[in-house]
Amino acid sequence: MRELVVLGTAGQVPTRDRNLNGYLLRWDDEALLFDPGEGTQRQMLLAGVKATSVTRILLTHFHGDHCLGLPGVVQRLALDGVTRPVKLYYPASGHGYLERLLGGSAHFTRAPLEFLPVELPGPVDPGPPLAVIAGRLEHNVPVVGWRIEEPDGRRFVPERLAELGIAGPSVGELLREGSIEVDGRSVRLDEVSEVRPGQSFAFVMDTRICDAAVGLARGVDMVVCESTYLSAEGALAERYGHLTAAHAGKIARDAGARKLVLTHFSQRYPDAAPLLEEAQAVFPNTVLAADLATIPLPPRR
């Protein structure tokens, strides 16, 4: 199962219809929680997401609408008996904020957090099974964007296996060893299989348009991107370090991404349809995030 569960889509303040930020990426056996804003724990309940499923937490920055839900989520992990390590990625410059967030109330700590502060852009966690890559975005405070990648794999071609009489345990042996003997002949893995490109995902939040945002989204299957304003408010976007919907579309287009998900909407837009229309004019394969919606990653290439 590879899908994005949207827990909140509001920027700065919640509205009657939008909770503050929160996004959970389900990826096989992992669940990556991005930017848990205030109210995320309750949104997880409404979305049918178990706190015990969370394996990694990734923060872009320490503005409250992107992190004030973290203490509740961490305490819920303890309450639900999670004892395995949970990786926590965040900008290193905000470590003081992180300490105050996690130490702001009396609670019992059970789940050990593995702190992974980001000092410089680039690979943060090589995996496997997933690589985490950071990019330095341009906001009014230090912000990190994220890219999640899996390595390329291989897919067996059944017709080629059948031609060479390879079946059963021999298939697994070939995958493990890279070659096997069949009727006195050495058969290599690349003779009966094809490269299966790994999937990738990018998370771009609270930034002016910049090269780093395009780099994070380069060729990804899905990019989740803030689109706080319409282009008519472009001056506000520049002043406060945010993107317009058209900017988000341009990032996805220039990066060659497959699908763009818009989120982080200003309260001035009770209806986000105009934001979608503006982004689609630049990048047609764009969808709107909505609270408690589930958006699948595109199928493998």
C-alpha atoms as a PDB file:
ATOM      1  CA  MET A   1       0.000   0.000   0.000  1.00  0.00           C
ATOM      2  CA  ARG A   2       1.489   3.319  -1.084  1.00  0.00           C
ATOM      3  CA  GLU A   3      -0.727   6.311  -0.472  1.00  0.00           C
ATOM      4  CA  LEU A   4      -0.888   9.742   1.100  1.00  0.00           C
ATOM      5  CA  VAL A   5      -3.360  10.224   3.941  1.00  0.00           C
ATOM      6  CA  VAL A   6      -4.154  13.926   4.309  1.00  0.00           C
ATOM      7  CA  LEU A   7      -4.680  14.906   7.942  1.00  0.00           C
ATOM      8  CA  GLY A   8      -4.868  18.676   7.494  1.00  0.00           C
ATOM      9  CA  THR A   9      -4.553  21.288   4.752  1.00  0.00           C
ATOM     10  CA  ALA A  10      -4.753  24.691   6.467  1.00  0.00           C
ATOM     11  CA  GLY A  11      -1.874  27.120   6.538  1.00  0.00           C
ATOM     12  CA  GLN A  12      -1.256  29.250   9.645  1.00  0.00           C
ATOM     13  CA  VAL A  13      -4.703  28.826  11.239  1.00  0.00           C
ATOM     14  CA  PRO A  14      -7.388  26.136  11.097  1.00  0.00           C
ATOM     15  CA  THR A  15     -10.776  26.812   9.560  1.00  0.00           C
ATOM     16  CA  ARG A  16     -14.170  25.156   9.993  1.00  0.00           C
ATOM     17  CA  ASP A  17     -13.300  22.741   7.198  1.00  0.00           C
ATOM     18  CA  ARG A  18      -9.528  22.436   7.437  1.00  0.00           C
ATOM     19  CA  ASN A  19      -7.287  21.233  10.216  1.00  0.00           C
ATOM     20  CA  LEU A  20      -3.712  22.443  10.382  1.00  0.00           C
ATOM     21  CA  ASN A  21      -1.041  20.557   8.466  1.00  0.00           C
ATOM     22  CA  GLY A  22      -0.482  16.836   8.795  1.00  0.00           C
ATOM     23  CA  TYR A  23       0.340  14.225   6.148  1.00  0.00           C
ATOM     24  CA  LEU A  24       0.961  10.515   6.513  1.00  0.00           C
ATOM     25  CA  LEU A  25       2.675   8.610   3.723  1.00  0.00           C
ATOM     26  CA  ARG A  26       1.955   4.900   3.822  1.00  0.00           C
ATOM     27  CA  TRP A  27       4.727   3.004   2.074  1.00  0.00           C
ATOM     28  CA  ASP A  28       4.501  -0.763   2.400  1.00  0.00           C
ATOM     29  CA  ASP A  29       5.402  -1.519   6.034  1.00  0.00           C
ATOM     30  CA  GLU A  30       6.329   2.073   6.851  1.00  0.00           C
ATOM     31  CA  ALA A  31       4.271   5.147   7.757  1.00  0.00           C
ATOM     32  CA  LEU A  32       6.001   8.516   7.459  1.00  0.00           C
ATOM     33  CA  LEU A  33       4.349  11.428   9.258  1.00  0.00           C
ATOM     34  CA  PHE A  34       5.125  14.879   7.857  1.00  0.00           C
ATOM     35  CA  ASP A  35       4.625  18.195   9.689  1.00  0.00           C
ATOM     36  CA  PRO A  36       2.116  17.245  12.414  1.00  0.00           C
ATOM     37  CA  GLY A  37       0.369  20.505  13.221  1.00  0.00           C
ATOM     38  CA  GLU A  38      -2.033  21.078  16.095  1.00  0.00           C
ATOM     39  CA  GLY A  39      -4.839  18.510  16.151  1.00  0.00           C
ATOM     40  CA  THR A  40      -2.963  15.826  14.214  1.00  0.00           C
ATOM     41  CA  GLN A  41      -3.600  13.129  16.816  1.00  0.00           C
ATOM     42  CA  ARG A  42      -7.369  13.546  16.487  1.00  0.00           C
ATOM     43  CA  GLN A  43      -7.187  13.705  12.690  1.00  0.00           C
ATOM     44  CA  MET A  44      -5.322  10.400  12.707  1.00  0.00           C
ATOM     45  CA  LEU A  45      -8.198   8.890  14.644  1.00  0.00           C
ATOM     46  CA  LEU A  46     -10.759  10.254  12.173  1.00  0.00           C
ATOM     47  CA  ALA A  47      -8.699   9.030   9.220  1.00  0.00           C
ATOM     48  CA  GLY A  48      -8.317   5.537  10.649  1.00  0.00           C
ATOM     49  CA  VAL A  49      -4.555   5.879  11.092  1.00  0.00           C
ATOM     50  CA  LYS A  50      -3.090   4.034  14.064  1.00  0.00           C
ATOM     51  CA  ALA A  51      -0.378   5.877  15.924  1.00  0.00           C
ATOM     52  CA  THR A  52       1.406   2.545  16.304  1.00  0.00           C
ATOM     53  CA  SER A  53       1.956   2.470  12.536  1.00  0.00           C
ATOM     54  CA  VAL A  54       4.198   5.565  12.508  1.00  0.00           C
ATOM     55  CA  THR A  55       7.826   4.660  11.796  1.00  0.00           C
ATOM     56  CA  ARG A  56       9.274   8.071  10.921  1.00  0.00           C
ATOM     57  CA  ILE A  57       8.407  11.710  11.611  1.00  0.00           C
ATOM     58  CA  LEU A  58       9.732  14.460   9.344  1.00  0.00           C
ATOM     59  CA  LEU A  59       9.527  18.169  10.177  1.00  0.00           C
ATOM     60  CA  THR A  60      10.181  20.866   7.604  1.00  0.00           C
ATOM     61  CA  HIS A  61      10.474  23.702  10.157  1.00  0.00           C
ATOM     62  CA  PHE A  62       9.285  24.947  13.512  1.00  0.00           C
ATOM     63  CA  HIS A  63       6.414  27.290  12.734  1.00  0.00           C
ATOM     64  CA  GLY A  64       3.539  26.165  14.937  1.00  0.00           C
ATOM     65  CA  ASP A  65       1.190  25.082  12.159  1.00  0.00           C
ATOM     66  CA  HIS A  66       3.791  22.473  11.182  1.00  0.00           C
ATOM     67  CA  CYS A  67       4.907  21.114  14.550  1.00  0.00           C
ATOM     68  CA  LEU A  68       2.554  21.831  17.481  1.00  0.00           C
ATOM     69  CA  GLY A  69       0.932  18.414  17.093  1.00  0.00           C
ATOM     70  CA  LEU A  70       4.234  16.613  17.630  1.00  0.00           C
ATOM     71  CA  PRO A  71       4.058  16.322  21.446  1.00  0.00           C
ATOM     72  CA  GLY A  72       0.629  14.713  21.311  1.00  0.00           C
ATOM     73  CA  VAL A  73       1.682  12.221  18.660  1.00  0.00           C
ATOM     74  CA  VAL A  74       4.839  11.254  20.584  1.00  0.00           C
ATOM     75  CA  GLN A  75       2.882  10.837  23.813  1.00  0.00           C
ATOM     76  CA  ARG A  76       0.280   8.752  21.976  1.00  0.00           C
ATOM     77  CA  LEU A  77       3.042   6.438  20.744  1.00  0.00           C
ATOM     78  CA  ALA A  78       4.025   5.873  24.373  1.00  0.00           C
ATOM     79  CA  LEU A  79       0.419   5.412  25.501  1.00  0.00           C
ATOM     80  CA  ASP A  80      -0.154   2.792  22.821  1.00  0.00           C
ATOM     81  CA  GLY A  81       2.926   0.858  23.901  1.00  0.00           C
ATOM     82  CA  VAL A  82       5.276   1.524  20.987  1.00  0.00           C
ATOM     83  CA  THR A  83       8.797   0.555  22.094  1.00  0.00           C
ATOM     84  CA  ARG A  84      10.606   0.309  18.734  1.00  0.00           C
ATOM     85  CA  PRO A  85      12.671   3.325  17.648  1.00  0.00           C
ATOM     86  CA  VAL A  86      10.921   6.064  15.671  1.00  0.00           C
ATOM     87  CA  LYS A  87      13.159   8.202  13.467  1.00  0.00           C
ATOM     88  CA  LEU A  88      12.675  11.969  13.783  1.00  0.00           C
ATOM     89  CA  TYR A  89      14.159  14.191  11.057  1.00  0.00           C
ATOM     90  CA  TYR A  90      14.255  17.985  11.458  1.00  0.00           C
ATOM     91  CA  PRO A  91      16.342  21.113  10.748  1.00  0.00           C
ATOM     92  CA  ALA A  92      19.246  21.127  13.190  1.00  0.00           C
ATOM     93  CA  SER A  93      18.872  24.874  13.793  1.00  0.00           C
ATOM     94  CA  GLY A  94      15.529  24.208  15.481  1.00  0.00           C
ATOM     95  CA  HIS A  95      16.773  21.720  18.075  1.00  0.00           C
ATOM     96  CA  GLY A  96      15.950  24.095  20.926  1.00  0.00           C
ATOM     97  CA  TYR A  97      12.361  24.329  19.774  1.00  0.00           C
ATOM     98  CA  LEU A  98      12.205  20.548  19.521  1.00  0.00           C
ATOM     99  CA  GLU A  99      13.426  20.093  23.095  1.00  0.00           C
ATOM    100  CA  ARG A 100      10.835  22.530  24.385  1.00  0.00           C
ATOM    101  CA  LEU A 101       8.058  20.877  22.398  1.00  0.00           C
ATOM    102  CA  LEU A 102       8.861  17.405  23.697  1.00  0.00           C
ATOM    103  CA  GLY A 103       9.498  18.587  27.256  1.00  0.00           C
ATOM    104  CA  GLY A 104       6.515  20.914  27.568  1.00  0.00           C
ATOM    105  CA  SER A 105       4.391  18.608  29.734  1.00  0.00           C
ATOM    106  CA  ALA A 106       4.680  15.713  32.164  1.00  0.00           C
ATOM    107  CA  HIS A 107       4.468  12.378  30.383  1.00  0.00           C
ATOM    108  CA  PHE A 108       5.952   8.905  30.331  1.00  0.00           C
ATOM    109  CA  THR A 109       8.406   8.322  27.484  1.00  0.00           C
ATOM    110  CA  ARG A 110       8.376   4.841  26.073  1.00  0.00           C
ATOM    111  CA  ALA A 111       9.052   4.994  22.323  1.00  0.00           C
ATOM    112  CA  PRO A 112      12.720   5.889  21.810  1.00  0.00           C
ATOM    113  CA  LEU A 113      13.073   8.716  19.308  1.00  0.00           C
ATOM    114  CA  GLU A 114      16.104   8.538  17.032  1.00  0.00           C
ATOM    115  CA  PHE A 115      17.022  12.183  16.413  1.00  0.00           C
ATOM    116  CA  LEU A 116      18.323  12.918  12.914  1.00  0.00           C
ATOM    117  CA  PRO A 117      19.033  16.672  12.676  1.00  0.00           C
ATOM    118  CA  VAL A 118      19.805  18.077   9.241  1.00  0.00           C
ATOM    119  CA  GLU A 119      22.786  20.407   8.974  1.00  0.00           C
ATOM    120  CA  LEU A 120      23.351  20.413   5.209  1.00  0.00           C
ATOM    121  CA  PRO A 121      21.264  19.511   2.154  1.00  0.00           C
ATOM    122  CA  GLY A 122      21.762  16.065   0.677  1.00  0.00           C
ATOM    123  CA  PRO A 123      21.278  12.438   1.777  1.00  0.00           C
ATOM    124  CA  VAL A 124      20.257  12.150   5.431  1.00  0.00           C
ATOM    125  CA  ASP A 125      19.408   8.464   5.691  1.00  0.00           C
ATOM    126  CA  PRO A 126      20.580   6.104   2.928  1.00  0.00           C
ATOM    127  CA  GLY A 127      18.187   3.287   3.832  1.00  0.00           C
ATOM    128  CA  PRO A 128      17.344   0.620   2.967  1.00  0.00           C
ATOM    129  CA  PRO A 129      14.486   0.311   2.393  1.00  0.00           C
ATOM    130  CA  LEU A 130      13.971   4.054   1.868  1.00  0.00           C
ATOM    131  CA  ALA A 131      16.479   6.837   1.352  1.00  0.00           C
ATOM    132  CA  VAL A 132      15.705  10.240   2.878  1.00  0.00           C
ATOM    133  CA  ILE A 133      17.162  13.293   1.132  1.00  0.00           C
ATOM    134  CA  ALA A 134      16.948  16.873   2.387  1.00  0.00           C
ATOM    135  CA  GLY A 135      16.858  20.149   0.478  1.00  0.00           C
ATOM    136  CA  ARG A 136      17.258  23.664   1.877  1.00  0.00           C
ATOM    137  CA  LEU A 137      14.222  25.764   0.940  1.00  0.00           C
ATOM    138  CA  GLU A 138      13.741  29.542   1.126  1.00  0.00           C
ATOM    139  CA  HIS A 139      11.403  30.805   3.849  1.00  0.00           C
ATOM    140  CA  ASN A 140      11.645  33.367   6.629  1.00  0.00           C
ATOM    141  CA  VAL A 141      13.002  30.704   8.992  1.00  0.00           C
ATOM    142  CA  PRO A 142      15.188  27.674   8.157  1.00  0.00           C
ATOM    143  CA  VAL A 143      13.116  25.126   6.225  1.00  0.00           C
ATOM    144  CA  VAL A 144      13.987  21.660   4.954  1.00  0.00           C
ATOM    145  CA  GLY A 145      12.165  19.956   2.106  1.00  0.00           C
ATOM    146  CA  TRP A 146      12.145  16.181   1.844  1.00  0.00           C
ATOM    147  CA  ARG A 147      12.558  13.559  -0.854  1.00  0.00           C
ATOM    148  CA  ILE A 148      11.868   9.861  -0.254  1.00  0.00           C
ATOM    149  CA  GLU A 149      13.338   7.286  -2.640  1.00  0.00           C
ATOM    150  CA  GLU A 150      13.486   3.537  -2.955  1.00  0.00           C
ATOM    151  CA  PRO A 151      16.284   1.870  -4.950  1.00  0.00           C
ATOM    152  CA  ASP A 152      15.618   0.378  -8.342  1.00  0.00           C
ATOM    153  CA  GLY A 153      14.713  -3.292  -8.282  1.00  0.00           C
ATOM    154  CA  ARG A 154      14.240  -6.005 -10.872  1.00  0.00           C
ATOM    155  CA  ARG A 155      11.157  -7.610 -12.340  1.00  0.00           C
ATOM    156  CA  PHE A 156      11.292 -11.146 -13.740  1.00  0.00           C
ATOM    157  CA  VAL A 157       9.973 -11.654 -17.260  1.00  0.00           C
ATOM    158  CA  PRO A 158       7.890 -14.863 -17.061  1.00  0.00           C
ATOM    159  CA  GLU A 159       8.348 -15.710 -20.744  1.00  0.00           C
ATOM    160  CA  ARG A 160      12.140 -15.662 -20.429  1.00  0.00           C
ATOM    161  CA  LEU A 161      12.045 -17.810 -17.294  1.00  0.00           C
ATOM    162  CA  ALA A 162       9.808 -20.326 -19.062  1.00  0.00           C
ATOM    163  CA  GLU A 163      12.072 -20.477 -22.147  1.00  0.00           C
ATOM    164  CA  LEU A 164      15.025 -21.453 -19.969  1.00  0.00           C
ATOM    165  CA  GLY A 165      13.058 -23.786 -17.706  1.00  0.00           C
ATOM    166  CA  ILE A 166      13.634 -21.755 -14.550  1.00  0.00           C
ATOM    167  CA  ALA A 167      10.923 -22.143 -11.910  1.00  0.00           C
ATOM    168  CA  GLY A 168      10.298 -22.677  -8.210  1.00  0.00           C
ATOM    169  CA  PRO A 169      13.233 -22.263  -5.804  1.00  0.00           C
ATOM    170  CA  SER A 170      15.586 -21.602  -8.714  1.00  0.00           C
ATOM    171  CA  VAL A 171      13.971 -18.197  -9.238  1.00  0.00           C
ATOM    172  CA  GLY A 172      14.780 -17.121  -5.685  1.00  0.00           C
ATOM    173  CA  GLU A 173      18.317 -18.479  -5.990  1.00  0.00           C
ATOM    174  CA  LEU A 174      18.851 -16.494  -9.187  1.00  0.00           C
ATOM    175  CA  LEU A 175      17.653 -13.310  -7.484  1.00  0.00           C
ATOM    176  CA  ARG A 176      19.968 -13.877  -4.510  1.00  0.00           C
ATOM    177  CA  GLU A 177      23.079 -15.055  -6.351  1.00  0.00           C
ATOM    178  CA  GLY A 178      22.821 -13.121  -9.628  1.00  0.00           C
ATOM    179  CA  SER A 179      23.369 -16.224 -11.757  1.00  0.00           C
ATOM    180  CA  ILE A 180      22.668 -19.960 -11.704  1.00  0.00           C
ATOM    181  CA  GLU A 181      23.567 -23.043 -13.746  1.00  0.00           C
ATOM    182  CA  VAL A 182      20.768 -24.377 -15.973  1.00  0.00           C
ATOM    183  CA  ASP A 183      21.484 -27.477 -18.107  1.00  0.00           C
ATOM    184  CA  GLY A 184      25.179 -26.748 -18.038  1.00  0.00           C
ATOM    185  CA  ARG A 185      24.769 -23.080 -18.943  1.00  0.00           C
ATOM    186  CA  SER A 186      25.208 -20.048 -16.713  1.00  0.00           C
ATOM    187  CA  VAL A 187      22.108 -17.821 -16.721  1.00  0.00           C
ATOM    188  CA  ARG A 188      22.518 -14.278 -15.450  1.00  0.00           C
ATOM    189  CA  LEU A 189      19.811 -12.345 -13.658  1.00  0.00           C
ATOM    190  CA  ASP A 190      19.749  -9.594 -16.296  1.00  0.00           C
ATOM    191  CA  GLU A 191      18.912 -12.183 -18.998  1.00  0.00           C
ATOM    192  CA  VAL A 192      15.531 -12.984 -17.473  1.00  0.00           C
ATOM    193  CA  SER A 193      14.581  -9.743 -15.747  1.00  0.00           C
ATOM    194  CA  GLU A 194      14.140  -6.028 -16.337  1.00  0.00           C
ATOM    195  CA  VAL A 195      14.922  -3.002 -14.203  1.00  0.00           C
ATOM    196  CA  ARG A 196      11.956  -1.939 -12.082  1.00  0.00           C
ATOM    197  CA  PRO A 197      12.405   1.772 -11.319  1.00  0.00           C
ATOM    198  CA  GLY A 198      12.065   2.652  -7.654  1.00  0.00           C
ATOM    199  CA  GLN A 199       9.306   5.058  -6.682  1.00  0.00           C
ATOM    200  CA  SER A 200       9.887   8.474  -5.153  1.00  0.00           C
ATOM    201  CA  PHE A 201       8.011  11.205  -3.281  1.00  0.00           C
ATOM    202  CA  ALA A 202       8.761  14.858  -2.480  1.00  0.00           C
ATOM    203  CA  PHE A 203       7.419  17.167   0.217  1.00  0.00           C
ATOM    204  CA  VAL A 204       7.842  20.917  -0.382  1.00  0.00           C
ATOM    205  CA  MET A 205       6.445  23.231   2.248  1.00  0.00           C
ATOM    206  CA  ASP A 206       6.705  26.938   3.162  1.00  0.00           C
ATOM    207  CA  THR A 207       9.127  28.283   0.597  1.00  0.00           C
ATOM    208  CA  ARG A 208       9.573  30.814  -2.147  1.00  0.00           C
ATOM    209  CA  ILE A 209      10.051  29.294  -5.579  1.00  0.00           C
ATOM    210  CA  CYS A 210      13.661  28.097  -5.789  1.00  0.00           C
ATOM    211  CA  ASP A 211      15.954  25.602  -7.489  1.00  0.00           C
ATOM    212  CA  ALA A 212      16.049  23.370  -4.406  1.00  0.00           C
ATOM    213  CA  ALA A 213      12.294  22.778  -4.620  1.00  0.00           C
ATOM    214  CA  VAL A 214      12.630  21.686  -8.249  1.00  0.00           C
ATOM    215  CA  GLY A 215      15.561  19.456  -7.341  1.00  0.00           C
ATOM    216  CA  LEU A 216      13.638  17.671  -4.608  1.00  0.00           C
ATOM    217  CA  ALA A 217      10.758  16.993  -7.000  1.00  0.00           C
ATOM    218  CA  ARG A 218      12.919  15.884  -9.928  1.00  0.00           C
ATOM    219  CA  GLY A 219      11.166  12.935 -11.586  1.00  0.00           C
ATOM    220  CA  VAL A 220       9.139  11.965  -8.500  1.00  0.00           C
ATOM    221  CA  ASP A 221       5.926  10.009  -8.696  1.00  0.00           C
ATOM    222  CA  MET A 222       4.206  12.507  -6.378  1.00  0.00           C
ATOM    223  CA  VAL A 223       5.116  15.916  -5.010  1.00  0.00           C
ATOM    224  CA  VAL A 224       3.097  17.464  -2.187  1.00  0.00           C
ATOM    225  CA  CYS A 225       3.514  21.212  -2.437  1.00  0.00           C
ATOM    226  CA  GLU A 226       2.244  24.202  -0.529  1.00  0.00           C
ATOM    227  CA  SER A 227       0.081  26.593  -2.568  1.00  0.00           C
ATOM    228  CA  THR A 228      -0.812  29.256  -0.060  1.00  0.00           C
ATOM    229  CA  TYR A 229      -1.916  31.964  -2.495  1.00  0.00           C
ATOM    230  CA  LEU A 230      -3.266  32.682  -5.936  1.00  0.00           C
ATOM    231  CA  SER A 231      -1.007  34.625  -8.281  1.00  0.00           C
ATOM    232  CA  ALA A 232      -3.046  37.764  -7.604  1.00  0.00           C
ATOM    233  CA  GLU A 233      -1.454  37.726  -4.134  1.00  0.00           C
ATOM    234  CA  GLY A 234       2.040  37.099  -5.496  1.00  0.00           C
ATOM    235  CA  ALA A 235       3.465  40.040  -3.548  1.00  0.00           C
ATOM    236  CA  LEU A 236       2.249  38.480  -0.299  1.00  0.00           C
ATOM    237  CA  ALA A 237       3.750  35.142  -1.297  1.00  0.00           C
ATOM    238  CA  GLU A 238       7.131  36.781  -1.837  1.00  0.00           C
ATOM    239  CA  ARG A 239       6.972  38.811   1.362  1.00  0.00           C
ATOM    240  CA  TYR A 240       6.073  35.878   3.607  1.00  0.00           C
ATOM    241  CA  GLY A 241       8.105  33.201   1.830  1.00  0.00           C
ATOM    242  CA  HIS A 242       5.335  31.150   0.251  1.00  0.00           C
ATOM    243  CA  LEU A 243       4.243  29.770  -3.097  1.00  0.00           C
ATOM    244  CA  THR A 244       1.295  30.552  -5.315  1.00  0.00           C
ATOM    245  CA  ALA A 245      -0.604  27.721  -6.989  1.00  0.00           C
ATOM    246  CA  ALA A 246       1.051  28.680 -10.283  1.00  0.00           C
ATOM    247  CA  HIS A 247       4.463  28.430  -8.611  1.00  0.00           C
ATOM    248  CA  ALA A 248       3.607  24.906  -7.424  1.00  0.00           C
ATOM    249  CA  GLY A 249       2.576  23.951 -10.943  1.00  0.00           C
ATOM    250  CA  LYS A 250       5.832  25.337 -12.330  1.00  0.00           C
ATOM    251  CA  ILE A 251       7.899  23.355  -9.812  1.00  0.00           C
ATOM    252  CA  ALA A 252       6.136  20.111 -10.766  1.00  0.00           C
ATOM    253  CA  ARG A 253       6.411  20.870 -14.498  1.00  0.00           C
ATOM    254  CA  ASP A 254      10.084  21.861 -14.421  1.00  0.00           C
ATOM    255  CA  ALA A 255      10.935  18.855 -12.249  1.00  0.00           C
ATOM    256  CA  GLY A 256       9.171  16.362 -14.515  1.00  0.00           C
ATOM    257  CA  ALA A 257       7.056  15.071 -11.625  1.00  0.00           C
ATOM    258  CA  ARG A 258       4.168  12.737 -12.347  1.00  0.00           C
ATOM    259  CA  LYS A 259       1.520  14.061  -9.927  1.00  0.00           C
ATOM    260  CA  LEU A 260       1.184  17.301  -7.952  1.00  0.00           C
ATOM    261  CA  VAL A 261      -0.839  17.547  -4.740  1.00  0.00           C
ATOM    262  CA  LEU A 262      -1.713  21.083  -3.608  1.00  0.00           C
ATOM    263  CA  THR A 263      -2.150  21.919   0.079  1.00  0.00           C
ATOM    264  CA  HIS A 264      -1.458  24.531   2.811  1.00  0.00           C
ATOM    265  CA  PHE A 265      -4.261  26.862   1.757  1.00  0.00           C
ATOM    266  CA  SER A 266      -4.715  30.359   3.114  1.00  0.00           C
ATOM    267  CA  GLN A 267      -7.917  30.939   5.072  1.00  0.00           C
ATOM    268  CA  ARG A 268      -8.791  33.633   2.510  1.00  0.00           C
ATOM    269  CA  TYR A 269      -9.812  30.806   0.128  1.00  0.00           C
ATOM    270  CA  PRO A 270     -12.752  28.885   1.636  1.00  0.00           C
ATOM    271  CA  ASP A 271     -13.046  27.231  -1.781  1.00  0.00           C
ATOM    272  CA  ALA A 272      -9.711  25.964  -3.112  1.00  0.00           C
ATOM    273  CA  ALA A 273     -11.031  25.328  -6.633  1.00  0.00           C
ATOM    274  CA  PRO A 274      -9.416  28.502  -8.064  1.00  0.00           C
ATOM    275  CA  LEU A 275      -6.042  27.322  -6.742  1.00  0.00           C
ATOM    276  CA  LEU A 276      -6.496  24.013  -8.522  1.00  0.00           C
ATOM    277  CA  GLU A 277      -7.478  25.759 -11.758  1.00  0.00           C
ATOM    278  CA  GLU A 278      -4.414  27.994 -11.613  1.00  0.00           C
ATOM    279  CA  ALA A 279      -2.002  25.107 -11.011  1.00  0.00           C
ATOM    280  CA  GLN A 280      -3.588  22.879 -13.667  1.00  0.00           C
ATOM    281  CA  ALA A 281      -3.059  25.591 -16.268  1.00  0.00           C
ATOM    282  CA  VAL A 282       0.673  25.009 -15.725  1.00  0.00           C
ATOM    283  CA  PHE A 283       0.729  21.326 -14.741  1.00  0.00           C
ATOM    284  CA  PRO A 284      -2.444  19.398 -15.693  1.00  0.00           C
ATOM    285  CA  ASN A 285      -1.960  16.353 -13.423  1.00  0.00           C
ATOM    286  CA  THR A 286      -2.698  18.322 -10.257  1.00  0.00           C
ATOM    287  CA  VAL A 287      -5.130  17.424  -7.474  1.00  0.00           C
ATOM    288  CA  LEU A 288      -6.289  19.211  -4.344  1.00  0.00           C
ATOM    289  CA  ALA A 289      -5.564  17.742  -0.949  1.00  0.00           C
ATOM    290  CA  ALA A 290      -8.588  17.644   1.343  1.00  0.00           C
ATOM    291  CA  ASP A 291      -8.761  16.807   5.017  1.00  0.00           C
ATOM    292  CA  LEU A 292      -9.058  13.042   5.616  1.00  0.00           C
ATOM    293  CA  ALA A 293      -8.684  12.250   1.895  1.00  0.00           C
ATOM    294  CA  THR A 294      -6.476   9.414   0.668  1.00  0.00           C
ATOM    295  CA  ILE A 295      -4.429   9.914  -2.495  1.00  0.00           C
ATOM    296  CA  PRO A 296      -2.656   6.877  -3.974  1.00  0.00           C
ATOM    297  CA  LEU A 297       0.816   7.135  -5.458  1.00  0.00           C
ATOM    298  CA  PRO A 298       0.687   6.658  -9.217  1.00  0.00           C
ATOM    299  CA  PRO A 299       1.276   3.062 -10.318  1.00  0.00           C
ATOM    300  CA  ARG A 300       4.853   2.079 -11.059  1.00  0.00           C
ATOM    301  CA  ARG A 301       6.225   3.290 -14.385  1.00  0.00           C
END
